[in-house]
Amino acid sequence: MFRPITRRGLLSLTVDQQRCDNIGFISSKILSFCPKASLRGNLEAVGVPTSVPVRVAHELLQAGHRYLDVRTPEEFSAGHATGAINVPYMYRVGSGMTKNLKFVEEVSTRFRKHDEIIVGCQSGKRSMMAATDLLNAGFAGITDIAGGFAAWRQNGLPTEP
């Protein structure tokens, strides 16, 4: 009945019907707000990753989580968190960026779906998108790093060249 669409961290829902028993009359094809309780049973699951500060992410690493760095290979080789594994979410193409269409497949070759993974990028935007894609692909233990590698480095956390 509903198909979720995410834009800039906001969740919108498109509806196939003009009337829905649990919500009432809907005057347009976009429902921009509705109390969560009234959507029970009508909303498809959409993964929304937990995001933690870099200090918490570091503690998670020390507790056995693994660090997935989704920056480009060039960014990763310039410095990264100690022990991080690089699978780019996007690649540089000319002056822009393009999504790695094999991202989930590549992550699946290095991680199991039940692994505890913290996902980081440079500032936090790509990692949030990557973490969302991984949750929606069935990875269960996904945590996003707020602020990304820039915040990691700024907080003096361990890095390697």
Protein backbone atom coordinates (compact mmCIF):
# COMPACT_ATOMS: atom_id res chain seq x y z
CA MET A 1 0.00 0.00 0.00
CA PHE A 2 2.82 2.43 0.87
CA ARG A 3 6.17 2.87 -0.81
CA PRO A 4 8.73 4.81 1.29
CA ILE A 5 10.89 7.43 -0.36
CA THR A 6 13.77 9.02 1.49
CA ARG A 7 15.14 12.45 0.67
CA ARG A 8 17.78 14.26 2.73
CA GLY A 9 17.10 12.22 5.82
CA LEU A 10 13.34 12.77 5.68
CA LEU A 11 10.88 10.00 5.07
CA SER A 12 7.99 10.58 2.70
CA LEU A 13 5.44 7.98 1.75
CA THR A 14 3.68 7.59 -1.54
CA VAL A 15 0.25 6.05 -1.43
CA ASP A 16 -1.50 4.00 -4.05
CA GLN A 17 -4.99 4.74 -2.80
CA GLN A 18 -6.84 8.00 -2.11
CA ARG A 19 -8.32 6.50 1.06
CA CYS A 20 -6.67 4.34 3.67
CA ASP A 21 -8.56 2.85 6.62
CA ASN A 22 -5.83 3.51 9.20
CA ILE A 23 -5.04 7.06 8.13
CA GLY A 24 -8.21 8.54 6.72
CA PHE A 25 -8.61 10.68 3.64
CA ILE A 26 -5.42 11.62 1.84
CA SER A 27 -5.77 14.54 -0.53
CA SER A 28 -2.50 14.13 -2.43
CA LYS A 29 -0.24 11.31 -3.50
CA ILE A 30 2.40 12.35 -0.94
CA LEU A 31 1.86 11.88 2.77
CA SER A 32 4.43 14.08 4.43
CA PHE A 33 3.53 13.49 8.08
CA CYS A 34 1.43 11.05 10.00
CA PRO A 35 1.78 9.73 13.56
CA LYS A 36 3.72 6.46 13.54
CA ALA A 37 1.01 4.63 15.47
CA SER A 38 -1.52 5.20 12.71
CA LEU A 39 0.80 3.63 10.14
CA ARG A 40 1.26 0.33 11.98
CA GLY A 41 0.91 -2.58 9.59
CA ASN A 42 0.83 -0.37 6.49
CA LEU A 43 4.45 0.73 6.24
CA GLU A 44 7.21 -1.31 4.68
CA ALA A 45 10.32 -1.56 6.83
CA VAL A 46 12.96 1.02 5.99
CA GLY A 47 16.33 0.71 7.67
CA VAL A 48 17.38 3.81 9.55
CA PRO A 49 20.89 3.37 10.93
CA THR A 50 21.95 4.36 14.42
CA SER A 51 24.54 7.14 14.31
CA VAL A 52 27.09 7.53 17.10
CA PRO A 53 29.85 10.05 17.90
CA VAL A 54 33.41 9.05 16.98
CA ARG A 55 34.40 8.38 20.61
CA VAL A 56 31.56 5.86 20.93
CA ALA A 57 32.55 4.35 17.56
CA HIS A 58 36.11 3.94 18.87
CA GLU A 59 34.79 2.14 21.96
CA LEU A 60 32.74 -0.13 19.69
CA LEU A 61 35.90 -0.93 17.71
CA GLN A 62 37.69 -1.83 20.92
CA ALA A 63 34.77 -4.08 21.83
CA GLY A 64 35.12 -6.04 18.57
CA HIS A 65 33.12 -4.16 15.94
CA ARG A 66 34.74 -3.79 12.53
CA TYR A 67 35.28 -0.46 10.73
CA LEU A 68 34.01 -0.16 7.15
CA ASP A 69 35.44 2.95 5.49
CA VAL A 70 33.28 3.88 2.48
CA ARG A 71 35.47 6.73 1.18
CA THR A 72 37.20 6.61 -2.19
CA PRO A 73 40.46 4.63 -2.46
CA GLU A 74 42.35 7.94 -2.75
CA GLU A 75 40.83 9.28 0.48
CA PHE A 76 41.46 5.97 2.25
CA SER A 77 45.13 5.78 1.20
CA ALA A 78 45.70 9.32 2.54
CA GLY A 79 44.83 8.05 6.03
CA HIS A 80 42.21 5.95 7.78
CA ALA A 81 41.20 4.53 11.14
CA THR A 82 43.47 1.73 12.31
CA GLY A 83 42.20 -1.61 10.99
CA ALA A 84 39.57 -0.10 8.69
CA ILE A 85 38.47 -1.99 5.57
CA ASN A 86 37.81 0.10 2.47
CA VAL A 87 34.83 -0.54 0.21
CA PRO A 88 33.98 2.70 -1.62
CA TYR A 89 30.34 3.74 -1.66
CA MET A 90 31.09 6.21 -4.44
CA TYR A 91 33.87 6.72 -6.97
CA ARG A 92 35.22 9.94 -8.42
CA VAL A 93 34.29 10.32 -12.08
CA GLY A 94 35.63 13.47 -13.66
CA SER A 95 34.72 16.33 -11.35
CA GLY A 96 31.83 14.45 -9.74
CA MET A 97 31.01 11.25 -7.89
CA THR A 98 29.05 8.18 -8.93
CA LYS A 99 27.60 5.45 -6.74
CA ASN A 100 29.37 2.10 -6.60
CA LEU A 101 26.61 -0.14 -7.98
CA LYS A 102 28.34 -3.23 -6.56
CA PHE A 103 28.74 -1.75 -3.07
CA VAL A 104 26.53 -4.23 -1.18
CA GLU A 105 27.96 -7.15 -3.15
CA GLU A 106 31.54 -6.05 -2.34
CA VAL A 107 30.71 -5.58 1.34
CA SER A 108 29.19 -9.08 1.36
CA THR A 109 32.54 -10.57 0.33
CA ARG A 110 34.27 -9.03 3.39
CA PHE A 111 31.54 -9.07 6.05
CA ARG A 112 28.78 -11.44 7.14
CA LYS A 113 25.23 -10.14 7.55
CA HIS A 114 25.36 -10.56 11.34
CA ASP A 115 28.77 -8.83 11.82
CA GLU A 116 28.86 -5.72 14.00
CA ILE A 117 30.01 -2.99 11.58
CA ILE A 118 30.63 0.69 12.09
CA VAL A 119 30.45 2.64 8.83
CA GLY A 120 32.43 5.82 8.25
CA CYS A 121 33.30 8.22 5.45
CA GLN A 122 34.89 11.68 5.42
CA SER A 123 32.12 13.76 7.03
CA GLY A 124 29.17 11.42 7.62
CA LYS A 125 26.98 11.83 4.54
CA ARG A 126 28.14 8.89 2.42
CA SER A 127 28.38 6.62 5.45
CA MET A 128 24.75 7.30 6.36
CA MET A 129 23.64 6.42 2.82
CA ALA A 130 25.87 3.33 2.82
CA ALA A 131 24.63 2.23 6.25
CA THR A 132 21.03 2.61 5.09
CA ASP A 133 21.72 0.50 1.99
CA LEU A 134 23.37 -2.19 4.13
CA LEU A 135 20.47 -2.32 6.60
CA ASN A 136 18.02 -2.62 3.72
CA ALA A 137 20.16 -5.44 2.27
CA GLY A 138 19.77 -7.43 5.49
CA PHE A 139 22.90 -6.49 7.44
CA ALA A 140 21.79 -6.31 11.06
CA GLY A 141 24.65 -4.81 13.10
CA ILE A 142 25.17 -1.51 11.29
CA THR A 143 26.17 1.70 13.08
CA ASP A 144 27.01 4.99 11.35
CA ILE A 145 29.84 7.23 12.56
CA ALA A 146 28.63 10.82 12.95
CA GLY A 147 31.19 13.29 11.65
CA GLY A 148 33.19 10.66 9.76
CA PHE A 149 36.95 10.44 9.49
CA ALA A 150 37.34 14.21 9.84
CA ALA A 151 35.87 14.01 13.37
CA TRP A 152 37.84 10.81 14.05
CA ARG A 153 41.12 12.56 13.25
CA GLN A 154 40.08 15.78 15.06
CA ASN A 155 39.49 13.73 18.22
CA GLY A 156 42.99 12.23 18.00
CA LEU A 157 41.77 8.66 17.54
CA PRO A 158 44.18 6.03 16.09
CA THR A 159 44.92 6.23 12.36
CA GLU A 160 47.26 4.62 9.89
CA PRO A 161 48.73 6.08 6.74
